[in-house]
C-alpha cells in the first residue's frame, strides 16, 4: 500500500494532495479494503480543503467504478498489459487516465503533470517517463477521436462500455430476455447499467416527528443549500450541489432529517404500521428503516431493531436518539435465533420487516467497489441465509400480521425466486404485492420488496 498521504506532507495547494489520497484508496481497495473505509482513513489528517476532499472522493470512486474501462486503455496504449503492470503503477495510471477521459474540469496538462510528479515523489521515479509517455499517448488518441474497439457480443460490449463484470452483464441480459419485450429489453438494460456509474444524489428523509419537508427546505435555502422534493417520496428532499460537512447543516443536530436514499424510503411504509403496534426490524443496522417505522407510528408503539453486530447497533441507537424516536429498542442478536432467545416473542409482532442480507447489486453506484467484490458465488452463499431468515420471521408474526421482505439487490434468485419458494412451502400465506425497482440514472437504488400476510 502507498504511504499515508498525511505522512508525506503533500501540500494541498500543489494539487498533489487529493490525487495522492485517491491513489492510496485505489491501492487499498485492490488489497481488499472497502472503498468508503479506505477513503475515510486516507482523508483523516490529510489536511485537505473541502474542495480537495471532494476532488479526492470523485477521483477515487470514479476510477474504481471505471477500473475495467481504464485497464482496457492501458492494454491499448502500454507495452505491458494492465494486469501485468506493477500494481502501484497501474493504480497511479488509473488516477491520471480517469482525469483525462472523465473529468472535463481538470486541464489535461494538470492531470499529466500531477500524475508524473506523484510517480517521482513516491518511489516510482524511474517509471515517471513511462507515466508521462502513456498519458501523452492517451491525449493524442483522444485528440484523434480514437475510441476503444467494442466487442460484437452484447454482454462483452456492455461490460466494457459501463465497466461492469462480464457475469453481471450476462445475467442482466438474461433477465431482460426472460421478462421484457425485445423493444424494451436492450434500452432498459443499458439504462440500468448506466445507473450503476452515476454519482448517487444526496437524498434526505424529513423526520415528521420534528419538522416538515417545507420547513427543512426553507432552512436549507436560508443557509444557501438548494433542495427539491422527490417525486413519489412524500418525506423526501434531494439536496442539490451539496458540499461540506452535513452535520453542520440546519436541523441535523435537532433531528429534523436523516440521509436515506429515495428507494429505501419506499420500504417501511409498505408495512402500513399503526400507532400502538409492536414492530420488528430484523436486520436493522444502521437504523434508517427502524427510525422510519417509529416516525410512521408517531413514536407511539414499540419498534425492535435487531442486528447481529453490537457495534453497528450503536449507530441505530445514536440515530434514534438524534431523531427523537423513543420507541426504538436495539437488541444485538442473530435474527435466525430470535425465537430461541426470546420465546415470548412467538406471534408477538403485528408487522415484521426483513431487510435481508443480500448481494447489494442494486447499489453499485453507491458502493463503487462492490462490482469487483460480489461474484456469483457470493449470491449462492447468501440464498440459504435469506431462506432461514424468512422461516424465522414467520413464527414471530401475529395472526393477520404483515411481513415485508426487502433487499437492495436486483438478482431474481434473491428476490422473486426466493419468495416463490417460501410461498410454495407455506400455502397459507398470501402474497399481497411485490415490486422490483431498478437502479435509475435519475436517482434511486435498485430495491425489491414483497408484502406477505398471514391468516387472520
Protein backbone atom coordinates (compact mmCIF):
# COMPACT_ATOMS: atom_id res chain seq x y z
CA UNK A 1 0.00 0.00 0.00
CA UNK A 2 1.15 3.52 -0.69
CA UNK A 3 2.45 5.64 2.17
CA UNK A 4 -0.08 7.73 4.09
CA UNK A 5 -0.90 10.98 2.37
CA UNK A 6 -0.55 12.82 5.66
CA UNK A 7 2.88 11.37 6.45
CA UNK A 8 4.18 12.51 3.11
CA UNK A 9 3.19 16.08 3.96
CA UNK A 10 1.90 16.79 0.47
CA UNK A 11 0.54 20.32 0.41
CA UNK A 12 -2.96 20.57 -0.99
CA UNK A 13 -2.01 23.74 -2.85
CA UNK A 14 0.27 21.78 -5.20
CA UNK A 15 -2.67 19.77 -6.49
CA UNK A 16 -0.95 16.56 -5.48
CA UNK A 17 -2.83 16.10 -2.21
CA UNK A 18 -6.24 14.94 -3.46
CA UNK A 19 -4.69 12.82 -6.20
CA UNK A 20 -2.35 11.23 -3.68
CA UNK A 21 -5.32 10.33 -1.48
CA UNK A 22 -7.20 8.85 -4.46
CA UNK A 23 -4.16 6.76 -5.38
CA UNK A 24 -3.91 5.48 -1.83
CA UNK A 25 -7.59 4.48 -1.88
CA UNK A 26 -7.22 2.60 -5.17
CA UNK A 27 -4.30 0.63 -3.73
CA UNK A 28 -6.19 -0.14 -0.54
CA UNK A 29 -9.29 -1.36 -2.40
CA UNK A 30 -7.17 -3.57 -4.65
CA UNK A 31 -5.73 -5.08 -1.46
CA UNK A 32 -9.21 -5.89 -0.15
CA UNK A 33 -10.32 -2.78 1.75
CA UNK A 34 -13.80 -1.32 1.39
CA UNK A 35 -13.73 1.92 -0.60
CA UNK A 36 -15.60 4.06 1.92
CA UNK A 37 -13.43 2.85 4.81
CA UNK A 38 -10.23 3.34 2.80
CA UNK A 39 -11.27 6.86 1.76
CA UNK A 40 -12.14 7.89 5.31
CA UNK A 41 -8.78 6.59 6.53
CA UNK A 42 -6.86 8.33 3.75
CA UNK A 43 -8.63 11.65 4.27
CA UNK A 44 -8.11 11.60 8.02
CA UNK A 45 -5.31 14.02 8.79
CA UNK A 46 -4.55 14.68 5.12
CA UNK A 47 -5.17 18.40 5.66
CA UNK A 48 -7.24 18.87 2.51
CA UNK A 49 -9.72 21.68 1.95
CA UNK A 50 -13.38 20.87 1.40
CA UNK A 51 -12.95 21.25 -2.36
CA UNK A 52 -9.91 18.96 -2.42
CA UNK A 53 -11.69 16.37 -0.30
CA UNK A 54 -14.45 16.42 -2.91
CA UNK A 55 -11.92 16.01 -5.71
CA UNK A 56 -10.24 13.09 -3.94
CA UNK A 57 -13.62 11.41 -3.43
CA UNK A 58 -14.75 11.91 -7.02
CA UNK A 59 -11.44 10.70 -8.41
CA UNK A 60 -11.16 7.64 -6.16
CA UNK A 61 -14.72 6.41 -6.58
CA UNK A 62 -14.77 7.24 -10.29
CA UNK A 63 -11.55 5.37 -11.02
CA UNK A 64 -12.75 2.37 -9.02
CA UNK A 65 -16.03 2.27 -10.96
CA UNK A 66 -14.22 2.58 -14.30
CA UNK A 67 -11.46 0.08 -13.49
CA UNK A 68 -12.20 -2.30 -16.36
CA UNK A 69 -12.52 0.53 -18.88
CA UNK A 70 -9.26 2.14 -17.70
CA UNK A 71 -7.48 -1.20 -17.89
CA UNK A 72 -8.65 -1.53 -21.50
CA UNK A 73 -6.97 1.77 -22.32
CA UNK A 74 -3.79 0.65 -20.56
CA UNK A 75 -3.84 -2.53 -22.63
CA UNK A 76 -4.21 -0.47 -25.79
CA UNK A 77 -1.62 2.22 -25.04
CA UNK A 78 1.01 0.41 -23.00
CA UNK A 79 3.64 -2.15 -23.89
CA UNK A 80 2.68 -4.22 -20.83
CA UNK A 81 -0.95 -5.33 -20.25
CA UNK A 82 -2.66 -3.67 -17.29
CA UNK A 83 -2.83 -6.81 -15.16
CA UNK A 84 0.91 -7.36 -15.57
CA UNK A 85 1.84 -3.80 -14.61
CA UNK A 86 3.36 -3.24 -11.16
CA UNK A 87 0.23 -2.64 -9.05
CA UNK A 88 1.32 0.77 -7.77
CA UNK A 89 1.98 1.94 -11.32
CA UNK A 90 -1.32 0.51 -12.58
CA UNK A 91 -3.38 2.40 -9.99
CA UNK A 92 -1.42 5.63 -10.48
CA UNK A 93 -2.07 5.43 -14.22
CA UNK A 94 -5.77 4.95 -13.45
CA UNK A 95 -5.69 8.21 -11.48
CA UNK A 96 -4.19 10.01 -14.46
CA UNK A 97 -6.32 8.42 -17.16
CA UNK A 98 -9.55 8.96 -15.27
CA UNK A 99 -8.86 12.70 -15.14
CA UNK A 100 -8.09 12.84 -18.85
CA UNK A 101 -11.16 10.91 -20.01
CA UNK A 102 -13.81 11.57 -17.37
CA UNK A 103 -13.11 14.91 -15.65
CA UNK A 104 -13.57 17.71 -18.14
CA UNK A 105 -12.99 20.39 -15.50
CA UNK A 106 -9.40 19.19 -14.96
CA UNK A 107 -6.97 20.67 -17.52
CA UNK A 108 -5.11 17.91 -19.34
CA UNK A 109 -1.75 19.48 -18.53
CA UNK A 110 -2.57 19.44 -14.81
CA UNK A 111 -3.66 15.80 -14.95
CA UNK A 112 -0.43 14.74 -16.67
CA UNK A 113 1.88 16.91 -14.55
CA UNK A 114 0.47 15.87 -11.19
CA UNK A 115 0.48 12.18 -12.09
CA UNK A 116 4.11 12.34 -13.21
CA UNK A 117 5.05 14.28 -10.06
CA UNK A 118 3.41 11.68 -7.85
CA UNK A 119 5.47 9.00 -9.57
CA UNK A 120 8.65 10.98 -8.96
CA UNK A 121 7.90 11.69 -5.31
CA UNK A 122 6.62 8.28 -4.27
CA UNK A 123 9.13 5.59 -5.20
CA UNK A 124 8.25 5.36 -8.88
CA UNK A 125 10.78 7.92 -10.15
CA UNK A 126 12.37 5.52 -12.62
CA UNK A 127 8.93 4.88 -14.13
CA UNK A 128 7.99 8.56 -14.37
CA UNK A 129 8.90 8.63 -18.12
CA UNK A 130 6.55 5.67 -18.65
CA UNK A 131 3.75 7.55 -16.89
CA UNK A 132 4.40 10.67 -18.93
CA UNK A 133 4.59 8.78 -22.22
CA UNK A 134 1.45 6.77 -21.67
CA UNK A 135 -0.67 9.73 -20.58
CA UNK A 136 0.51 11.78 -23.54
CA UNK A 137 -0.33 8.87 -25.82
CA UNK A 138 -3.81 8.92 -24.30
CA UNK A 139 -4.08 12.63 -25.07
CA UNK A 140 -3.07 12.04 -28.69
CA UNK A 141 -5.63 9.25 -29.03
CA UNK A 142 -8.27 11.48 -27.51
CA UNK A 143 -7.42 14.33 -29.86
CA UNK A 144 -7.62 11.99 -32.83
CA UNK A 145 -11.06 10.82 -31.76
CA UNK A 146 -9.87 7.29 -31.14
CA UNK A 147 -12.06 5.00 -29.05
CA UNK A 148 -11.83 1.51 -27.66
CA UNK A 149 -12.81 -1.26 -30.04
CA UNK A 150 -16.09 -2.69 -28.78
CA UNK A 151 -16.73 -6.45 -28.85
CA UNK A 152 -19.52 -7.81 -31.02
CA UNK A 153 -21.00 -9.82 -28.15
CA UNK A 154 -23.70 -7.76 -26.38
CA UNK A 155 -22.66 -8.72 -22.85
CA UNK A 156 -18.95 -8.13 -23.51
CA UNK A 157 -19.72 -4.78 -25.11
CA UNK A 158 -21.90 -3.68 -22.17
CA UNK A 159 -19.23 -4.86 -19.73
CA UNK A 160 -16.55 -2.74 -21.39
CA UNK A 161 -18.68 0.34 -22.02
CA UNK A 162 -20.00 0.51 -18.45
CA UNK A 163 -17.04 -1.11 -16.67
CA UNK A 164 -19.13 -3.86 -15.13
CA UNK A 165 -18.21 -7.52 -14.53
CA UNK A 166 -18.98 -9.72 -17.52
CA UNK A 167 -21.00 -12.20 -15.44
CA UNK A 168 -23.26 -9.38 -14.21
CA UNK A 169 -23.90 -8.12 -17.75
CA UNK A 170 -24.67 -11.65 -18.94
CA UNK A 171 -27.16 -12.06 -16.09
CA UNK A 172 -28.74 -8.67 -16.76
CA UNK A 173 -29.32 -9.52 -20.41
CA UNK A 174 -30.75 -12.92 -19.45
CA UNK A 175 -33.22 -11.32 -17.03
CA UNK A 176 -34.29 -8.89 -19.73
CA UNK A 177 -34.79 -11.67 -22.28
CA UNK A 178 -36.96 -13.52 -19.79
CA UNK A 179 -39.20 -10.68 -18.74
CA UNK A 180 -39.18 -7.78 -21.22
CA UNK A 181 -40.17 -7.37 -24.83
CA UNK A 182 -37.40 -7.12 -27.39
CA UNK A 183 -38.14 -3.43 -27.99
CA UNK A 184 -37.80 -2.63 -24.30
CA UNK A 185 -35.08 -5.04 -23.20
CA UNK A 186 -31.84 -3.51 -24.52
CA UNK A 187 -32.66 0.15 -23.75
CA UNK A 188 -33.71 -0.90 -20.25
CA UNK A 189 -30.52 -2.89 -19.71
CA UNK A 190 -28.38 -0.01 -20.92
CA UNK A 191 -30.24 2.37 -18.61
CA UNK A 192 -29.70 0.10 -15.60
CA UNK A 193 -26.02 -0.35 -16.45
CA UNK A 194 -25.55 3.41 -16.85
CA UNK A 195 -27.22 3.99 -13.48
CA UNK A 196 -24.54 1.84 -11.85
CA UNK A 197 -21.98 4.52 -12.74
CA UNK A 198 -23.91 7.61 -11.71
CA UNK A 199 -22.82 9.61 -8.69
CA UNK A 200 -25.88 8.99 -6.49
CA UNK A 201 -27.90 12.03 -5.41
CA UNK A 202 -27.98 13.02 -1.76
CA UNK A 203 -31.48 12.26 -0.52
CA UNK A 204 -32.89 13.22 2.87
CA UNK A 205 -35.86 11.81 4.73
CA UNK A 206 -37.56 14.52 6.75
CA UNK A 207 -38.49 13.44 10.28
CA UNK A 208 -42.16 14.36 10.59
CA UNK A 209 -41.97 13.93 14.35
CA UNK A 210 -39.98 17.15 14.43
CA UNK A 211 -40.36 19.02 11.15
CA UNK A 212 -41.85 19.10 7.65
CA UNK A 213 -40.32 19.00 4.17
CA UNK A 214 -41.34 22.62 3.65
CA UNK A 215 -39.65 23.77 6.87
CA UNK A 216 -36.46 21.83 6.16
CA UNK A 217 -36.32 23.16 2.58
CA UNK A 218 -36.74 26.73 3.87
CA UNK A 219 -33.98 26.29 6.46
CA UNK A 220 -31.65 24.87 3.84
CA UNK A 221 -32.43 27.70 1.43
CA UNK A 222 -31.60 30.24 4.14
CA UNK A 223 -28.23 28.52 4.54
CA UNK A 224 -27.58 28.63 0.79
CA UNK A 225 -28.40 24.97 0.17
CA UNK A 226 -30.84 24.20 -2.63
CA UNK A 227 -33.25 21.28 -2.39
CA UNK A 228 -36.15 19.86 -4.35
CA UNK A 229 -38.93 17.42 -3.48
CA UNK A 230 -38.53 13.82 -4.60
CA UNK A 231 -41.40 12.62 -6.76
CA UNK A 232 -43.34 9.81 -5.13
CA UNK A 233 -41.48 10.25 -1.84
CA UNK A 234 -43.62 12.35 0.48
CA UNK A 235 -40.98 12.96 3.13
CA UNK A 236 -38.02 13.11 0.76
CA UNK A 237 -35.83 16.01 -0.31
CA UNK A 238 -32.89 15.92 -2.69
CA UNK A 239 -30.03 18.23 -1.83
CA UNK A 240 -28.61 19.90 -4.95
CA UNK A 241 -24.94 20.78 -5.25
CA UNK A 242 -24.24 19.55 -1.73
CA UNK A 243 -20.85 20.30 -0.18
CA UNK A 244 -19.28 20.41 3.24
CA UNK A 245 -19.96 18.53 6.46
CA UNK A 246 -23.65 17.65 6.51
CA UNK A 247 -23.56 17.52 10.30
CA UNK A 248 -23.27 21.30 10.15
CA UNK A 249 -26.39 21.68 8.02
CA UNK A 250 -29.56 23.18 9.50
CA UNK A 251 -31.63 20.77 11.54
CA UNK A 252 -29.12 17.93 11.77
CA UNK A 253 -28.46 18.23 15.50
CA UNK A 254 -32.16 18.80 16.12
CA UNK A 255 -33.08 15.56 14.33
CA UNK A 256 -35.16 17.22 11.62
CA UNK A 257 -33.89 14.84 8.94
CA UNK A 258 -31.61 11.93 8.14
CA UNK A 259 -29.87 10.75 4.98
CA UNK A 260 -31.72 7.93 3.19
CA UNK A 261 -31.93 7.01 -0.48
CA UNK A 262 -35.34 7.53 -2.06
CA UNK A 263 -35.71 3.83 -2.86
CA UNK A 264 -35.01 2.87 0.76
CA UNK A 265 -37.66 5.36 1.88
CA UNK A 266 -40.21 3.34 -0.09
CA UNK A 267 -39.81 0.20 2.05
CA UNK A 268 -41.02 0.98 5.60
CA UNK A 269 -44.45 2.36 4.54
CA UNK A 270 -45.20 -1.00 2.88
CA UNK A 271 -45.73 -2.41 6.38
CA UNK A 272 -48.62 0.05 6.87
CA UNK A 273 -47.76 0.32 10.59
CA UNK A 274 -50.25 1.78 13.06
CA UNK A 275 -49.75 3.56 16.39
CA UNK A 276 -49.65 1.19 19.31
CA UNK A 277 -48.39 -1.80 17.35
CA UNK A 278 -45.29 -3.86 18.06
CA UNK A 279 -42.94 -3.84 15.06
CA UNK A 280 -39.73 -5.74 14.30
CA UNK A 281 -36.87 -4.65 12.04
CA UNK A 282 -34.91 -7.90 11.93
CA UNK A 283 -31.67 -6.76 10.24
CA UNK A 284 -31.77 -3.15 11.34
CA UNK A 285 -28.33 -1.53 11.26
CA UNK A 286 -27.67 1.31 10.62
CA UNK A 287 -31.26 2.07 11.56
CA UNK A 288 -32.76 4.09 8.72
CA UNK A 289 -35.82 1.89 8.34
CA UNK A 290 -36.32 1.32 12.09
CA UNK A 291 -36.46 5.05 12.74
CA UNK A 292 -38.72 5.49 9.72
CA UNK A 293 -41.14 2.98 11.27
CA UNK A 294 -41.06 4.92 14.53
CA UNK A 295 -41.87 8.14 12.66
CA UNK A 296 -44.74 6.48 10.77
CA UNK A 297 -46.45 5.45 14.04
CA UNK A 298 -45.86 8.82 15.65
CA UNK A 299 -43.39 7.26 18.09
CA UNK A 300 -46.40 5.58 19.73
CA UNK A 301 -45.77 1.85 19.87
CA UNK A 302 -42.80 -0.48 20.06
CA UNK A 303 -40.09 -0.90 17.43
CA UNK A 304 -37.45 -3.56 17.98
CA UNK A 305 -34.28 -3.05 15.94
CA UNK A 306 -32.31 -6.31 15.85
CA UNK A 307 -28.88 -6.85 14.35
CA UNK A 308 -26.04 -9.31 14.87
CA UNK A 309 -23.47 -6.54 15.20
CA UNK A 310 -23.47 -4.79 18.57
CA UNK A 311 -21.11 -2.19 17.12
CA UNK A 312 -23.47 -1.35 14.25
CA UNK A 313 -26.39 -1.21 16.68
CA UNK A 314 -24.67 1.69 18.39
CA UNK A 315 -25.38 3.67 15.22
CA UNK A 316 -29.03 2.62 15.40
CA UNK A 317 -29.29 3.89 18.96
CA UNK A 318 -27.48 7.12 18.11
CA UNK A 319 -29.71 7.77 15.09
CA UNK A 320 -32.86 7.03 17.08
CA UNK A 321 -31.79 9.37 19.88
CA UNK A 322 -30.98 12.22 17.47
CA UNK A 323 -34.30 11.81 15.69
CA UNK A 324 -36.28 11.58 18.93
CA UNK A 325 -37.54 8.05 18.26
CA UNK A 326 -38.04 6.93 21.84
CA UNK A 327 -39.96 3.78 20.92
CA UNK A 328 -36.94 2.17 19.20
CA UNK A 329 -35.31 -0.63 21.20
CA UNK A 330 -31.99 -2.06 19.99
CA UNK A 331 -31.15 -5.74 20.51
CA UNK A 332 -27.93 -7.48 19.48
CA UNK A 333 -28.99 -10.95 18.35
CA UNK A 334 -28.99 -13.36 15.43
CA UNK A 335 -32.37 -12.89 13.76
CA UNK A 336 -32.39 -16.59 12.81
CA UNK A 337 -32.34 -17.47 16.53
CA UNK A 338 -34.76 -14.86 17.88
CA UNK A 339 -37.45 -17.33 18.88
CA UNK A 340 -34.94 -19.42 20.84
CA UNK A 341 -33.58 -16.33 22.57
CA UNK A 342 -36.98 -14.72 23.16
CA UNK A 343 -39.62 -17.48 23.22
CA UNK A 344 -42.19 -14.94 24.43
CA UNK A 345 -41.96 -13.31 21.02
CA UNK A 346 -43.81 -16.14 19.27
CA UNK A 347 -46.67 -14.46 17.38
CA UNK A 348 -45.92 -11.16 19.13
CA UNK A 349 -45.38 -8.77 16.20
CA UNK A 350 -48.08 -7.25 14.04
CA UNK A 351 -45.52 -6.13 11.47
CA UNK A 352 -42.08 -7.54 10.61
CA UNK A 353 -39.53 -6.01 8.26
CA UNK A 354 -36.83 -8.34 6.99
CA UNK A 355 -34.33 -6.17 5.14
CA UNK A 356 -32.29 -9.24 4.31
CA UNK A 357 -28.54 -9.51 3.80
CA UNK A 358 -28.02 -9.55 0.05
CA UNK A 359 -25.52 -9.03 -2.75
CA UNK A 360 -26.30 -5.30 -2.95
CA UNK A 361 -26.37 -5.35 -6.75
CA UNK A 362 -28.92 -2.52 -6.70
CA UNK A 363 -26.45 -0.18 -5.02
CA UNK A 364 -23.40 -0.41 -7.30
CA UNK A 365 -23.48 3.36 -7.88
CA UNK A 366 -23.36 3.97 -4.12
CA UNK A 367 -20.69 1.35 -3.39
CA UNK A 368 -18.06 1.82 -6.06
CA UNK A 369 -16.05 -1.28 -5.22
CA UNK A 370 -18.97 -3.71 -4.84
CA UNK A 371 -18.94 -4.67 -8.54
CA UNK A 372 -15.43 -6.08 -8.12
CA UNK A 373 -16.21 -7.76 -4.79
CA UNK A 374 -19.50 -9.56 -5.50
CA UNK A 375 -19.40 -12.78 -7.53
CA UNK A 376 -21.99 -15.44 -8.45
CA UNK A 377 -20.60 -17.47 -5.54
CA UNK A 378 -21.48 -14.61 -3.19
CA UNK A 379 -25.12 -14.88 -4.21
CA UNK A 380 -25.17 -18.67 -3.92
CA UNK A 381 -23.85 -18.39 -0.36
CA UNK A 382 -26.49 -15.81 0.62
CA UNK A 383 -29.56 -17.76 -0.56
CA UNK A 384 -29.73 -20.26 2.34
CA UNK A 385 -29.32 -17.45 4.89
CA UNK A 386 -32.15 -15.48 3.34
CA UNK A 387 -34.38 -18.57 3.39
CA UNK A 388 -33.57 -19.27 7.05
CA UNK A 389 -34.37 -15.68 7.99
CA UNK A 390 -37.74 -15.85 6.24
CA UNK A 391 -38.64 -19.01 8.15
CA UNK A 392 -37.53 -17.44 11.44
CA UNK A 393 -39.70 -14.37 10.87
CA UNK A 394 -42.83 -16.37 10.23
CA UNK A 395 -43.01 -17.68 13.81
CA UNK A 396 -42.81 -14.13 15.18
CA UNK A 397 -45.80 -12.80 13.24
CA UNK A 398 -49.16 -12.39 14.94
CA UNK A 399 -52.29 -13.76 13.22
CA UNK A 400 -53.21 -11.37 10.42
CA UNK A 401 -49.70 -9.94 10.56
CA UNK A 402 -47.75 -8.41 7.70
CA UNK A 403 -44.21 -9.34 6.62
CA UNK A 404 -42.14 -7.24 4.23
CA UNK A 405 -39.13 -8.99 2.71
CA UNK A 406 -36.81 -6.39 1.19
CA UNK A 407 -33.39 -6.38 -0.46
CA UNK A 408 -31.20 -3.84 -2.20
CA UNK A 409 -30.35 -6.28 -4.98
CA UNK A 410 -31.78 -6.84 -8.44
CA UNK A 411 -30.92 -10.54 -8.68
CA UNK A 412 -34.05 -12.69 -9.16
CA UNK A 413 -32.61 -15.59 -7.15
CA UNK A 414 -32.53 -13.38 -4.07
CA UNK A 415 -35.88 -11.78 -4.78
CA UNK A 416 -38.76 -13.26 -6.77
CA UNK A 417 -37.34 -16.79 -6.74
CA UNK A 418 -36.68 -16.67 -3.00
CA UNK A 419 -40.26 -15.54 -2.31
CA UNK A 420 -41.76 -18.07 -4.73
CA UNK A 421 -40.03 -20.91 -2.87
CA UNK A 422 -41.09 -19.51 0.52
CA UNK A 423 -44.73 -19.23 -0.50
CA UNK A 424 -44.70 -22.72 -2.00
CA UNK A 425 -43.59 -24.06 1.38
CA UNK A 426 -46.32 -22.06 3.15
CA UNK A 427 -49.52 -22.10 1.10
CA UNK A 428 -51.42 -20.50 4.00
CA UNK A 429 -49.61 -17.20 3.34
CA UNK A 430 -50.81 -14.54 0.90
CA UNK A 431 -48.58 -12.50 -1.38
CA UNK A 432 -50.13 -9.06 -1.15
CA UNK A 433 -47.70 -7.39 -3.57
CA UNK A 434 -44.15 -7.47 -4.87
CA UNK A 435 -42.12 -4.99 -6.84
CA UNK A 436 -38.63 -4.76 -8.28
CA UNK A 437 -37.22 -1.25 -8.51
CA UNK A 438 -34.28 -0.93 -10.85
CA UNK A 439 -31.33 1.45 -10.45
CA UNK A 440 -32.33 4.73 -12.08
CA UNK A 441 -29.91 7.21 -13.69
CA UNK A 442 -32.18 9.99 -12.39
CA UNK A 443 -31.69 8.75 -8.83
CA UNK A 444 -32.67 5.80 -6.69
CA UNK A 445 -31.02 2.49 -5.90
CA UNK A 446 -32.32 -0.87 -7.02
CA UNK A 447 -34.65 -2.40 -4.42
CA UNK A 448 -37.05 -5.31 -4.17
CA UNK A 449 -39.91 -5.76 -1.73
CA UNK A 450 -42.55 -8.42 -1.22
CA UNK A 451 -45.50 -7.88 1.13
CA UNK A 452 -46.84 -11.10 2.66
CA UNK A 453 -49.73 -11.51 5.09
CA UNK A 454 -50.59 -14.33 7.49
CA UNK A 455 -54.10 -15.72 8.01
CA UNK A 456 -56.08 -13.56 10.40
